[in-house]
């Protein structure tokens, strides 16, 4: 199944996010503790200025929403306390599907 996650950062975590960014990118590429999660797209959502990261959008293929939740719970941003609100849902991919 496909799953989409929309995460909003906690206020005041911009610097921590910047310091953790490369570790997060490496985690998205390789995450041996979650071999059943395939990340298709991931990137920051931006604030009103169009430049400041304020969250994350992630599209993954996984056996369940809970698998993606566990993947995000273990990620460097979560460990560093960056994540605030996190909405994770099953998603019916309509266009641009990677099949």
PDB file of N, CA and C in Angstrom:
ATOM      1  N   UNK A   1       0.841  -1.172   0.000  1.00  0.00           N
ATOM      2  CA  UNK A   1       0.000   0.000   0.000  1.00  0.00           C
ATOM      3  C   UNK A   1       0.886   1.236   0.000  1.00  0.00           C
ATOM      4  N   UNK A   2       0.313   2.315  -0.506  1.00  0.00           N
ATOM      5  CA  UNK A   2       1.019   3.597  -0.482  1.00  0.00           C
ATOM      6  C   UNK A   2       0.530   4.406   0.710  1.00  0.00           C
ATOM      7  N   UNK A   3       1.463   5.137   1.284  1.00  0.00           N
ATOM      8  CA  UNK A   3       1.180   5.924   2.479  1.00  0.00           C
ATOM      9  C   UNK A   3       1.806   7.298   2.301  1.00  0.00           C
ATOM     10  N   UNK A   4       1.071   8.315   2.719  1.00  0.00           N
ATOM     11  CA  UNK A   4       1.589   9.676   2.690  1.00  0.00           C
ATOM     12  C   UNK A   4       1.660  10.192   4.126  1.00  0.00           C
ATOM     13  N   UNK A   5       2.727  10.908   4.428  1.00  0.00           N
ATOM     14  CA  UNK A   5       2.890  11.519   5.748  1.00  0.00           C
ATOM     15  C   UNK A   5       3.117  13.011   5.556  1.00  0.00           C
ATOM     16  N   UNK A   6       2.375  13.790   6.305  1.00  0.00           N
ATOM     17  CA  UNK A   6       2.562  15.234   6.325  1.00  0.00           C
ATOM     18  C   UNK A   6       2.901  15.610   7.762  1.00  0.00           C
ATOM     19  N   UNK A   7       4.107  16.084   7.951  1.00  0.00           N
ATOM     20  CA  UNK A   7       4.619  16.392   9.286  1.00  0.00           C
ATOM     21  C   UNK A   7       4.866  17.890   9.391  1.00  0.00           C
ATOM     22  N   UNK A   8       4.486  18.464  10.515  1.00  0.00           N
ATOM     23  CA  UNK A   8       4.764  19.864  10.803  1.00  0.00           C
ATOM     24  C   UNK A   8       5.787  19.910  11.932  1.00  0.00           C
ATOM     25  N   UNK A   9       6.832  20.698  11.739  1.00  0.00           N
ATOM     26  CA  UNK A   9       7.874  20.822  12.754  1.00  0.00           C
ATOM     27  C   UNK A   9       7.372  21.590  13.972  1.00  0.00           C
ATOM     28  N   UNK A  10       7.976  21.301  15.115  1.00  0.00           N
ATOM     29  CA  UNK A  10       7.713  22.087  16.315  1.00  0.00           C
ATOM     30  C   UNK A  10       8.300  23.475  16.101  1.00  0.00           C
ATOM     31  N   UNK A  11       7.652  24.512  16.616  1.00  0.00           N
ATOM     32  CA  UNK A  11       8.222  25.858  16.520  1.00  0.00           C
ATOM     33  C   UNK A  11       9.615  25.905  17.173  1.00  0.00           C
ATOM     34  N   UNK A  12      10.494  26.668  16.572  1.00  0.00           N
ATOM     35  CA  UNK A  12      11.823  26.861  17.135  1.00  0.00           C
ATOM     36  C   UNK A  12      12.822  25.757  16.860  1.00  0.00           C
ATOM     37  N   UNK A  13      12.514  24.854  15.927  1.00  0.00           N
ATOM     38  CA  UNK A  13      13.425  23.735  15.651  1.00  0.00           C
ATOM     39  C   UNK A  13      14.159  23.876  14.314  1.00  0.00           C
ATOM     40  N   UNK A  14      14.132  25.064  13.739  1.00  0.00           N
ATOM     41  CA  UNK A  14      14.751  25.267  12.425  1.00  0.00           C
ATOM     42  C   UNK A  14      16.242  24.920  12.448  1.00  0.00           C
ATOM     43  N   UNK A  15      16.964  25.345  13.466  1.00  0.00           N
ATOM     44  CA  UNK A  15      18.400  25.082  13.548  1.00  0.00           C
ATOM     45  C   UNK A  15      18.673  23.592  13.753  1.00  0.00           C
ATOM     46  N   UNK A  16      17.895  22.944  14.604  1.00  0.00           N
ATOM     47  CA  UNK A  16      18.065  21.508  14.837  1.00  0.00           C
ATOM     48  C   UNK A  16      17.795  20.743  13.540  1.00  0.00           C
ATOM     49  N   UNK A  17      16.766  21.146  12.804  1.00  0.00           N
ATOM     50  CA  UNK A  17      16.466  20.528  11.513  1.00  0.00           C
ATOM     51  C   UNK A  17      17.664  20.653  10.582  1.00  0.00           C
ATOM     52  N   UNK A  18      18.236  21.857  10.489  1.00  0.00           N
ATOM     53  CA  UNK A  18      19.380  22.085   9.605  1.00  0.00           C
ATOM     54  C   UNK A  18      20.568  21.206  10.003  1.00  0.00           C
ATOM     55  N   UNK A  19      20.797  21.077  11.299  1.00  0.00           N
ATOM     56  CA  UNK A  19      21.916  20.267  11.789  1.00  0.00           C
ATOM     57  C   UNK A  19      21.700  18.776  11.560  1.00  0.00           C
ATOM     58  N   UNK A  20      20.463  18.351  11.424  1.00  0.00           N
ATOM     59  CA  UNK A  20      20.117  16.938  11.294  1.00  0.00           C
ATOM     60  C   UNK A  20      19.812  16.545   9.846  1.00  0.00           C
ATOM     61  N   UNK A  21      19.772  17.502   8.961  1.00  0.00           N
ATOM     62  CA  UNK A  21      19.314  17.272   7.584  1.00  0.00           C
ATOM     63  C   UNK A  21      20.085  16.170   6.863  1.00  0.00           C
ATOM     64  N   UNK A  22      21.398  16.203   6.894  1.00  0.00           N
ATOM     65  CA  UNK A  22      22.167  15.191   6.152  1.00  0.00           C
ATOM     66  C   UNK A  22      21.961  13.797   6.732  1.00  0.00           C
ATOM     67  N   UNK A  23      21.846  13.703   8.041  1.00  0.00           N
ATOM     68  CA  UNK A  23      21.589  12.410   8.678  1.00  0.00           C
ATOM     69  C   UNK A  23      20.220  11.885   8.271  1.00  0.00           C
ATOM     70  N   UNK A  24      19.233  12.784   8.202  1.00  0.00           N
ATOM     71  CA  UNK A  24      17.903  12.384   7.764  1.00  0.00           C
ATOM     72  C   UNK A  24      17.937  11.902   6.310  1.00  0.00           C
ATOM     73  N   UNK A  25      18.614  12.630   5.454  1.00  0.00           N
ATOM     74  CA  UNK A  25      18.689  12.225   4.042  1.00  0.00           C
ATOM     75  C   UNK A  25      19.324  10.846   3.890  1.00  0.00           C
ATOM     76  N   UNK A  26      20.356  10.577   4.666  1.00  0.00           N
ATOM     77  CA  UNK A  26      20.993   9.259   4.628  1.00  0.00           C
ATOM     78  C   UNK A  26      20.022   8.184   5.117  1.00  0.00           C
ATOM     79  N   UNK A  27      19.255   8.500   6.149  1.00  0.00           N
ATOM     80  CA  UNK A  27      18.272   7.563   6.695  1.00  0.00           C
ATOM     81  C   UNK A  27      17.196   7.238   5.657  1.00  0.00           C
ATOM     82  N   UNK A  28      16.748   8.229   4.922  1.00  0.00           N
ATOM     83  CA  UNK A  28      15.727   7.998   3.891  1.00  0.00           C
ATOM     84  C   UNK A  28      16.262   7.047   2.823  1.00  0.00           C
ATOM     85  N   UNK A  29      17.544   7.174   2.487  1.00  0.00           N
ATOM     86  CA  UNK A  29      18.144   6.302   1.476  1.00  0.00           C
ATOM     87  C   UNK A  29      18.371   4.882   1.991  1.00  0.00           C
ATOM     88  N   UNK A  30      18.831   4.755   3.234  1.00  0.00           N
ATOM     89  CA  UNK A  30      19.147   3.447   3.801  1.00  0.00           C
ATOM     90  C   UNK A  30      18.599   3.370   5.218  1.00  0.00           C
ATOM     91  N   UNK A  31      17.699   2.425   5.433  1.00  0.00           N
ATOM     92  CA  UNK A  31      17.062   2.249   6.742  1.00  0.00           C
ATOM     93  C   UNK A  31      16.867   0.753   6.992  1.00  0.00           C
ATOM     94  N   UNK A  32      17.960   0.053   7.324  1.00  0.00           N
ATOM     95  CA  UNK A  32      17.896  -1.405   7.465  1.00  0.00           C
ATOM     96  C   UNK A  32      16.928  -1.889   8.551  1.00  0.00           C
ATOM     97  N   UNK A  33      16.605  -1.062   9.520  1.00  0.00           N
ATOM     98  CA  UNK A  33      15.657  -1.476  10.556  1.00  0.00           C
ATOM     99  C   UNK A  33      14.217  -1.501  10.036  1.00  0.00           C
ATOM    100  N   UNK A  34      14.008  -0.916   8.847  1.00  0.00           N
ATOM    101  CA  UNK A  34      12.674  -0.864   8.241  1.00  0.00           C
ATOM    102  C   UNK A  34      12.743  -1.284   6.775  1.00  0.00           C
ATOM    103  N   UNK A  35      13.141  -2.528   6.504  1.00  0.00           N
ATOM    104  CA  UNK A  35      13.317  -2.961   5.111  1.00  0.00           C
ATOM    105  C   UNK A  35      12.010  -3.018   4.325  1.00  0.00           C
ATOM    106  N   UNK A  36      10.883  -3.024   5.014  1.00  0.00           N
ATOM    107  CA  UNK A  36       9.597  -3.119   4.330  1.00  0.00           C
ATOM    108  C   UNK A  36       9.035  -1.756   3.923  1.00  0.00           C
ATOM    109  N   UNK A  37       9.778  -0.684   4.197  1.00  0.00           N
ATOM    110  CA  UNK A  37       9.346   0.670   3.832  1.00  0.00           C
ATOM    111  C   UNK A  37      10.200   1.152   2.661  1.00  0.00           C
ATOM    112  N   UNK A  38       9.534   1.482   1.561  1.00  0.00           N
ATOM    113  CA  UNK A  38      10.205   2.032   0.384  1.00  0.00           C
ATOM    114  C   UNK A  38       9.770   3.493   0.246  1.00  0.00           C
ATOM    115  N   UNK A  39      10.733   4.396   0.355  1.00  0.00           N
ATOM    116  CA  UNK A  39      10.419   5.823   0.243  1.00  0.00           C
ATOM    117  C   UNK A  39      10.494   6.208  -1.232  1.00  0.00           C
ATOM    118  N   UNK A  40       9.386   6.712  -1.764  1.00  0.00           N
ATOM    119  CA  UNK A  40       9.341   7.146  -3.160  1.00  0.00           C
ATOM    120  C   UNK A  40       9.637   8.635  -3.287  1.00  0.00           C
ATOM    121  N   UNK A  41       9.126   9.415  -2.363  1.00  0.00           N
ATOM    122  CA  UNK A  41       9.353  10.867  -2.374  1.00  0.00           C
ATOM    123  C   UNK A  41       9.468  11.348  -0.941  1.00  0.00           C
ATOM    124  N   UNK A  42      10.350  12.303  -0.714  1.00  0.00           N
ATOM    125  CA  UNK A  42      10.451  12.934   0.603  1.00  0.00           C
ATOM    126  C   UNK A  42      11.102  14.294   0.422  1.00  0.00           C
ATOM    127  N   UNK A  43      10.594  15.265   1.140  1.00  0.00           N
ATOM    128  CA  UNK A  43      11.198  16.585   1.080  1.00  0.00           C
ATOM    129  C   UNK A  43      10.503  17.535   2.027  1.00  0.00           C
ATOM    130  N   UNK A  44      11.171  18.647   2.294  1.00  0.00           N
ATOM    131  CA  UNK A  44      10.607  19.602   3.243  1.00  0.00           C
ATOM    132  C   UNK A  44       9.433  20.382   2.652  1.00  0.00           C
ATOM    133  N   UNK A  45       8.485  20.698   3.507  1.00  0.00           N
ATOM    134  CA  UNK A  45       7.479  21.682   3.154  1.00  0.00           C
ATOM    135  C   UNK A  45       8.026  23.018   3.633  1.00  0.00           C
ATOM    136  N   UNK A  46       7.615  24.102   2.970  1.00  0.00           N
ATOM    137  CA  UNK A  46       8.224  25.405   3.222  1.00  0.00           C
ATOM    138  C   UNK A  46       7.233  26.396   3.806  1.00  0.00           C
ATOM    139  N   UNK A  47       7.766  27.333   4.572  1.00  0.00           N
ATOM    140  CA  UNK A  47       6.956  28.376   5.179  1.00  0.00           C
ATOM    141  C   UNK A  47       6.529  29.421   4.165  1.00  0.00           C
ATOM    142  N   UNK A  48       5.860  30.448   4.651  1.00  0.00           N
ATOM    143  CA  UNK A  48       5.314  31.506   3.803  1.00  0.00           C
ATOM    144  C   UNK A  48       6.378  32.231   2.992  1.00  0.00           C
ATOM    145  N   UNK A  49       7.623  32.224   3.475  1.00  0.00           N
ATOM    146  CA  UNK A  49       8.689  32.904   2.739  1.00  0.00           C
ATOM    147  C   UNK A  49       9.204  32.081   1.560  1.00  0.00           C
ATOM    148  N   UNK A  50       8.721  30.833   1.434  1.00  0.00           N
ATOM    149  CA  UNK A  50       9.138  29.977   0.324  1.00  0.00           C
ATOM    150  C   UNK A  50      10.537  29.414   0.465  1.00  0.00           C
ATOM    151  N   UNK A  51      11.167  29.598   1.626  1.00  0.00           N
ATOM    152  CA  UNK A  51      12.539  29.131   1.819  1.00  0.00           C
ATOM    153  C   UNK A  51      12.758  28.341   3.100  1.00  0.00           C
ATOM    154  N   UNK A  52      12.054  28.698   4.153  1.00  0.00           N
ATOM    155  CA  UNK A  52      12.282  28.085   5.457  1.00  0.00           C
ATOM    156  C   UNK A  52      11.517  26.768   5.588  1.00  0.00           C
ATOM    157  N   UNK A  53      12.245  25.658   5.805  1.00  0.00           N
ATOM    158  CA  UNK A  53      11.567  24.382   6.007  1.00  0.00           C
ATOM    159  C   UNK A  53      10.748  24.412   7.304  1.00  0.00           C
ATOM    160  N   UNK A  54       9.494  23.942   7.198  1.00  0.00           N
ATOM    161  CA  UNK A  54       8.630  23.912   8.379  1.00  0.00           C
ATOM    162  C   UNK A  54       7.990  22.540   8.582  1.00  0.00           C
ATOM    163  N   UNK A  55       8.390  21.582   7.778  1.00  0.00           N
ATOM    164  CA  UNK A  55       7.812  20.248   7.913  1.00  0.00           C
ATOM    165  C   UNK A  55       8.332  19.316   6.847  1.00  0.00           C
ATOM    166  N   UNK A  56       7.612  18.229   6.649  1.00  0.00           N
ATOM    167  CA  UNK A  56       8.048  17.172   5.752  1.00  0.00           C
ATOM    168  C   UNK A  56       6.839  16.550   5.061  1.00  0.00           C
ATOM    169  N   UNK A  57       6.997  16.270   3.780  1.00  0.00           N
ATOM    170  CA  UNK A  57       6.042  15.455   3.033  1.00  0.00           C
ATOM    171  C   UNK A  57       6.784  14.206   2.591  1.00  0.00           C
ATOM    172  N   UNK A  58       6.192  13.045   2.855  1.00  0.00           N
ATOM    173  CA  UNK A  58       6.833  11.787   2.516  1.00  0.00           C
ATOM    174  C   UNK A  58       5.801  10.861   1.891  1.00  0.00           C
ATOM    175  N   UNK A  59       6.171  10.219   0.797  1.00  0.00           N
ATOM    176  CA  UNK A  59       5.339   9.211   0.158  1.00  0.00           C
ATOM    177  C   UNK A  59       6.130   7.908   0.194  1.00  0.00           C
ATOM    178  N   UNK A  60       5.502   6.881   0.767  1.00  0.00           N
ATOM    179  CA  UNK A  60       6.190   5.603   0.918  1.00  0.00           C
ATOM    180  C   UNK A  60       5.276   4.457   0.519  1.00  0.00           C
ATOM    181  N   UNK A  61       5.906   3.346   0.232  1.00  0.00           N
ATOM    182  CA  UNK A  61       5.189   2.092   0.008  1.00  0.00           C
ATOM    183  C   UNK A  61       5.547   1.193   1.190  1.00  0.00           C
ATOM    184  N   UNK A  62       4.533   0.643   1.839  1.00  0.00           N
ATOM    185  CA  UNK A  62       4.763  -0.140   3.051  1.00  0.00           C
ATOM    186  C   UNK A  62       3.586  -1.084   3.273  1.00  0.00           C
ATOM    187  N   UNK A  63       3.751  -2.070   4.133  1.00  0.00           N
ATOM    188  CA  UNK A  63       2.651  -2.993   4.387  1.00  0.00           C
ATOM    189  C   UNK A  63       1.517  -2.375   5.207  1.00  0.00           C
ATOM    190  N   UNK A  64       1.793  -1.249   5.882  1.00  0.00           N
ATOM    191  CA  UNK A  64       0.763  -0.640   6.721  1.00  0.00           C
ATOM    192  C   UNK A  64       1.131   0.798   7.068  1.00  0.00           C
ATOM    193  N   UNK A  65       0.131   1.530   7.520  1.00  0.00           N
ATOM    194  CA  UNK A  65       0.360   2.883   8.040  1.00  0.00           C
ATOM    195  C   UNK A  65       1.274   2.803   9.262  1.00  0.00           C
ATOM    196  N   UNK A  66       1.079   1.778  10.087  1.00  0.00           N
ATOM    197  CA  UNK A  66       1.907   1.623  11.291  1.00  0.00           C
ATOM    198  C   UNK A  66       3.380   1.429  10.957  1.00  0.00           C
ATOM    199  N   UNK A  67       3.679   0.766   9.846  1.00  0.00           N
ATOM    200  CA  UNK A  67       5.074   0.579   9.437  1.00  0.00           C
ATOM    201  C   UNK A  67       5.716   1.923   9.116  1.00  0.00           C
ATOM    202  N   UNK A  68       4.979   2.810   8.449  1.00  0.00           N
ATOM    203  CA  UNK A  68       5.510   4.141   8.134  1.00  0.00           C
ATOM    204  C   UNK A  68       5.627   4.974   9.408  1.00  0.00           C
ATOM    205  N   UNK A  69       4.666   4.827  10.311  1.00  0.00           N
ATOM    206  CA  UNK A  69       4.736   5.534  11.592  1.00  0.00           C
ATOM    207  C   UNK A  69       6.001   5.118  12.356  1.00  0.00           C
ATOM    208  N   UNK A  70       6.292   3.821  12.388  1.00  0.00           N
ATOM    209  CA  UNK A  70       7.501   3.329  13.058  1.00  0.00           C
ATOM    210  C   UNK A  70       8.760   3.858  12.376  1.00  0.00           C
ATOM    211  N   UNK A  71       8.743   3.865  11.044  1.00  0.00           N
ATOM    212  CA  UNK A  71       9.863   4.409  10.270  1.00  0.00           C
ATOM    213  C   UNK A  71      10.126   5.867  10.656  1.00  0.00           C
ATOM    214  N   UNK A  72       9.066   6.672  10.713  1.00  0.00           N
ATOM    215  CA  UNK A  72       9.224   8.083  11.071  1.00  0.00           C
ATOM    216  C   UNK A  72       9.589   8.257  12.540  1.00  0.00           C
ATOM    217  N   UNK A  73       9.056   7.424  13.410  1.00  0.00           N
ATOM    218  CA  UNK A  73       9.402   7.507  14.831  1.00  0.00           C
ATOM    219  C   UNK A  73      10.892   7.268  15.058  1.00  0.00           C
ATOM    220  N   UNK A  74      11.509   6.449  14.198  1.00  0.00           N
ATOM    221  CA  UNK A  74      12.926   6.122  14.335  1.00  0.00           C
ATOM    222  C   UNK A  74      13.852   7.066  13.567  1.00  0.00           C
ATOM    223  N   UNK A  75      13.289   7.996  12.818  1.00  0.00           N
ATOM    224  CA  UNK A  75      14.135   8.835  11.959  1.00  0.00           C
ATOM    225  C   UNK A  75      14.872   9.909  12.769  1.00  0.00           C
ATOM    226  N   UNK A  76      15.961  10.427  12.221  1.00  0.00           N
ATOM    227  CA  UNK A  76      16.766  11.422  12.928  1.00  0.00           C
ATOM    228  C   UNK A  76      16.000  12.684  13.337  1.00  0.00           C
ATOM    229  N   UNK A  77      15.077  13.156  12.512  1.00  0.00           N
ATOM    230  CA  UNK A  77      14.317  14.346  12.891  1.00  0.00           C
ATOM    231  C   UNK A  77      13.470  14.084  14.131  1.00  0.00           C
ATOM    232  N   UNK A  78      12.824  12.926  14.187  1.00  0.00           N
ATOM    233  CA  UNK A  78      12.020  12.588  15.363  1.00  0.00           C
ATOM    234  C   UNK A  78      12.910  12.456  16.590  1.00  0.00           C
ATOM    235  N   UNK A  79      14.048  11.789  16.430  1.00  0.00           N
ATOM    236  CA  UNK A  79      14.968  11.607  17.550  1.00  0.00           C
ATOM    237  C   UNK A  79      15.504  12.931  18.080  1.00  0.00           C
ATOM    238  N   UNK A  80      15.643  13.905  17.184  1.00  0.00           N
ATOM    239  CA  UNK A  80      16.160  15.230  17.574  1.00  0.00           C
ATOM    240  C   UNK A  80      15.061  16.154  18.096  1.00  0.00           C
ATOM    241  N   UNK A  81      13.820  15.672  18.079  1.00  0.00           N
ATOM    242  CA  UNK A  81      12.720  16.477  18.605  1.00  0.00           C
ATOM    243  C   UNK A  81      12.192  17.524  17.650  1.00  0.00           C
ATOM    244  N   UNK A  82      12.427  17.349  16.355  1.00  0.00           N
ATOM    245  CA  UNK A  82      11.980  18.317  15.351  1.00  0.00           C
ATOM    246  C   UNK A  82      10.478  18.201  15.085  1.00  0.00           C
ATOM    247  N   UNK A  83       9.979  16.984  15.024  1.00  0.00           N
ATOM    248  CA  UNK A  83       8.590  16.776  14.612  1.00  0.00           C
ATOM    249  C   UNK A  83       7.583  17.223  15.670  1.00  0.00           C
ATOM    250  N   UNK A  84       6.555  17.912  15.194  1.00  0.00           N
ATOM    251  CA  UNK A  84       5.414  18.272  16.014  1.00  0.00           C
ATOM    252  C   UNK A  84       4.246  17.403  15.597  1.00  0.00           C
ATOM    253  N   UNK A  85       3.326  17.976  14.838  1.00  0.00           N
ATOM    254  CA  UNK A  85       2.169  17.225  14.349  1.00  0.00           C
ATOM    255  C   UNK A  85       2.581  16.293  13.212  1.00  0.00           C
ATOM    256  N   UNK A  86       1.961  15.119  13.198  1.00  0.00           N
ATOM    257  CA  UNK A  86       2.287  14.124  12.177  1.00  0.00           C
ATOM    258  C   UNK A  86       0.999  13.436  11.739  1.00  0.00           C
ATOM    259  N   UNK A  87       0.641  13.610  10.478  1.00  0.00           N
ATOM    260  CA  UNK A  87      -0.560  13.000   9.914  1.00  0.00           C
ATOM    261  C   UNK A  87      -0.122  11.968   8.879  1.00  0.00           C
ATOM    262  N   UNK A  88      -0.440  10.705   9.138  1.00  0.00           N
ATOM    263  CA  UNK A  88      -0.028   9.616   8.259  1.00  0.00           C
ATOM    264  C   UNK A  88      -1.290   8.888   7.813  1.00  0.00           C
ATOM    265  N   UNK A  89      -1.426   8.747   6.499  1.00  0.00           N
ATOM    266  CA  UNK A  89      -2.639   8.136   5.934  1.00  0.00           C
ATOM    267  C   UNK A  89      -2.307   7.217   4.768  1.00  0.00           C
ATOM    268  N   UNK A  90      -3.167   6.211   4.584  1.00  0.00           N
ATOM    269  CA  UNK A  90      -3.086   5.414   3.371  1.00  0.00           C
ATOM    270  C   UNK A  90      -3.467   6.334   2.216  1.00  0.00           C
ATOM    271  N   UNK A  91      -2.824   6.112   1.059  1.00  0.00           N
ATOM    272  CA  UNK A  91      -3.010   7.013  -0.067  1.00  0.00           C
ATOM    273  C   UNK A  91      -3.245   6.199  -1.327  1.00  0.00           C
ATOM    274  N   UNK A  92      -4.205   6.619  -2.124  1.00  0.00           N
ATOM    275  CA  UNK A  92      -4.493   5.978  -3.401  1.00  0.00           C
ATOM    276  C   UNK A  92      -3.790   6.784  -4.493  1.00  0.00           C
ATOM    277  N   UNK A  93      -2.625   6.334  -4.888  1.00  0.00           N
ATOM    278  CA  UNK A  93      -1.803   7.041  -5.865  1.00  0.00           C
ATOM    279  C   UNK A  93      -2.501   6.997  -7.213  1.00  0.00           C
ATOM    280  N   UNK A  94      -2.802   8.138  -7.779  1.00  0.00           N
ATOM    281  CA  UNK A  94      -3.577   8.222  -9.016  1.00  0.00           C
ATOM    282  C   UNK A  94      -2.712   8.485 -10.245  1.00  0.00           C
ATOM    283  N   UNK A  95      -1.862   9.504 -10.197  1.00  0.00           N
ATOM    284  CA  UNK A  95      -1.022   9.822 -11.361  1.00  0.00           C
ATOM    285  C   UNK A  95       0.448   9.727 -11.007  1.00  0.00           C
ATOM    286  N   UNK A  96       1.259   9.428 -11.983  1.00  0.00           N
ATOM    287  CA  UNK A  96       2.694   9.352 -11.780  1.00  0.00           C
ATOM    288  C   UNK A  96       3.145   8.150 -10.965  1.00  0.00           C
ATOM    289  N   UNK A  97       2.306   7.151 -10.896  1.00  0.00           N
ATOM    290  CA  UNK A  97       2.575   5.958 -10.091  1.00  0.00           C
ATOM    291  C   UNK A  97       3.831   5.240 -10.589  1.00  0.00           C
ATOM    292  N   UNK A  98       4.671   4.736  -9.669  1.00  0.00           N
ATOM    293  CA  UNK A  98       5.942   4.132 -10.093  1.00  0.00           C
ATOM    294  C   UNK A  98       5.856   2.703 -10.591  1.00  0.00           C
ATOM    295  N   UNK A  99       4.664   2.157 -10.852  1.00  0.00           N
ATOM    296  CA  UNK A  99       4.563   0.760 -11.316  1.00  0.00           C
ATOM    297  C   UNK A  99       5.060   0.644 -12.742  1.00  0.00           C
TER     298      UNK A  99
END
